[in-house]
Amino acid sequence: MPSKPAQRTAQRAAEQPAEPVLRILPLGSGLVLIGLGLGLAFIGLRMRRA
């Protein structure tokens, strides 16, 4: 049976969320929003010209 400190560190590791996913998610969603904004801007310009 593992010792008490080993059990505590295992519990802490299980409780903590995966940090790299949380750090990358805002960056990815920001890039998606920028892409959608640029796409809508170009569509608006093409409709305005026609």
C-alpha atoms as a PDB file:
ATOM      1  CA  MET A   1       0.000   0.000   0.000  1.00  0.00           C
ATOM      2  CA  PRO A   2       1.470   3.439  -0.903  1.00  0.00           C
ATOM      3  CA  SER A   3       2.476   5.804   1.830  1.00  0.00           C
ATOM      4  CA  LYS A   4       0.385   8.830   2.806  1.00  0.00           C
ATOM      5  CA  PRO A   5       2.476  11.453   0.931  1.00  0.00           C
ATOM      6  CA  ALA A   6       2.324   9.349  -2.246  1.00  0.00           C
ATOM      7  CA  GLN A   7      -1.465   9.130  -1.958  1.00  0.00           C
ATOM      8  CA  ARG A   8      -1.732  12.885  -1.442  1.00  0.00           C
ATOM      9  CA  THR A   9       0.363  13.705  -4.514  1.00  0.00           C
ATOM     10  CA  ALA A  10      -1.651  11.233  -6.596  1.00  0.00           C
ATOM     11  CA  GLN A  11      -4.893  12.855  -5.441  1.00  0.00           C
ATOM     12  CA  ARG A  12      -3.552  16.341  -6.230  1.00  0.00           C
ATOM     13  CA  ALA A  13      -2.470  15.228  -9.706  1.00  0.00           C
ATOM     14  CA  ALA A  14      -5.938  13.794 -10.338  1.00  0.00           C
ATOM     15  CA  GLU A  15      -7.668  16.987  -9.117  1.00  0.00           C
ATOM     16  CA  GLN A  16      -5.630  19.405 -11.232  1.00  0.00           C
ATOM     17  CA  PRO A  17      -6.897  19.941 -14.777  1.00  0.00           C
ATOM     18  CA  ALA A  18      -4.581  19.610 -17.755  1.00  0.00           C
ATOM     19  CA  GLU A  19      -2.960  23.047 -17.912  1.00  0.00           C
ATOM     20  CA  PRO A  20      -1.630  22.982 -21.502  1.00  0.00           C
ATOM     21  CA  VAL A  21      -5.160  22.498 -22.832  1.00  0.00           C
ATOM     22  CA  LEU A  22      -6.411  25.462 -20.811  1.00  0.00           C
ATOM     23  CA  ARG A  23      -3.548  27.639 -22.022  1.00  0.00           C
ATOM     24  CA  ILE A  24      -4.023  26.749 -25.690  1.00  0.00           C
ATOM     25  CA  LEU A  25      -7.817  27.028 -25.713  1.00  0.00           C
ATOM     26  CA  PRO A  26      -8.066  30.844 -25.402  1.00  0.00           C
ATOM     27  CA  LEU A  27      -5.436  31.265 -28.105  1.00  0.00           C
ATOM     28  CA  GLY A  28      -7.256  28.946 -30.489  1.00  0.00           C
ATOM     29  CA  SER A  29     -10.655  30.514 -29.872  1.00  0.00           C
ATOM     30  CA  GLY A  30      -9.166  33.972 -30.414  1.00  0.00           C
ATOM     31  CA  LEU A  31      -7.704  32.917 -33.738  1.00  0.00           C
ATOM     32  CA  VAL A  32     -11.038  31.444 -34.805  1.00  0.00           C
ATOM     33  CA  LEU A  33     -12.826  34.695 -33.932  1.00  0.00           C
ATOM     34  CA  ILE A  34     -10.242  36.754 -35.840  1.00  0.00           C
ATOM     35  CA  GLY A  35     -10.664  34.485 -38.861  1.00  0.00           C
ATOM     36  CA  LEU A  36     -14.449  34.792 -38.747  1.00  0.00           C
ATOM     37  CA  GLY A  37     -14.206  38.557 -38.457  1.00  0.00           C
ATOM     38  CA  LEU A  38     -11.874  38.818 -41.449  1.00  0.00           C
ATOM     39  CA  GLY A  39     -14.090  36.493 -43.470  1.00  0.00           C
ATOM     40  CA  LEU A  40     -17.193  38.557 -42.719  1.00  0.00           C
ATOM     41  CA  ALA A  41     -15.318  41.756 -43.580  1.00  0.00           C
ATOM     42  CA  PHE A  42     -14.285  40.414 -46.994  1.00  0.00           C
ATOM     43  CA  ILE A  43     -17.818  39.134 -47.674  1.00  0.00           C
ATOM     44  CA  GLY A  44     -19.178  42.553 -46.765  1.00  0.00           C
ATOM     45  CA  LEU A  45     -16.733  44.280 -49.114  1.00  0.00           C
ATOM     46  CA  ARG A  46     -17.637  41.955 -51.994  1.00  0.00           C
ATOM     47  CA  MET A  47     -21.367  42.537 -51.440  1.00  0.00           C
ATOM     48  CA  ARG A  48     -20.803  46.292 -51.311  1.00  0.00           C
ATOM     49  CA  ARG A  49     -18.950  46.289 -54.629  1.00  0.00           C
ATOM     50  CA  ALA A  50     -21.584  44.239 -56.448  1.00  0.00           C
END
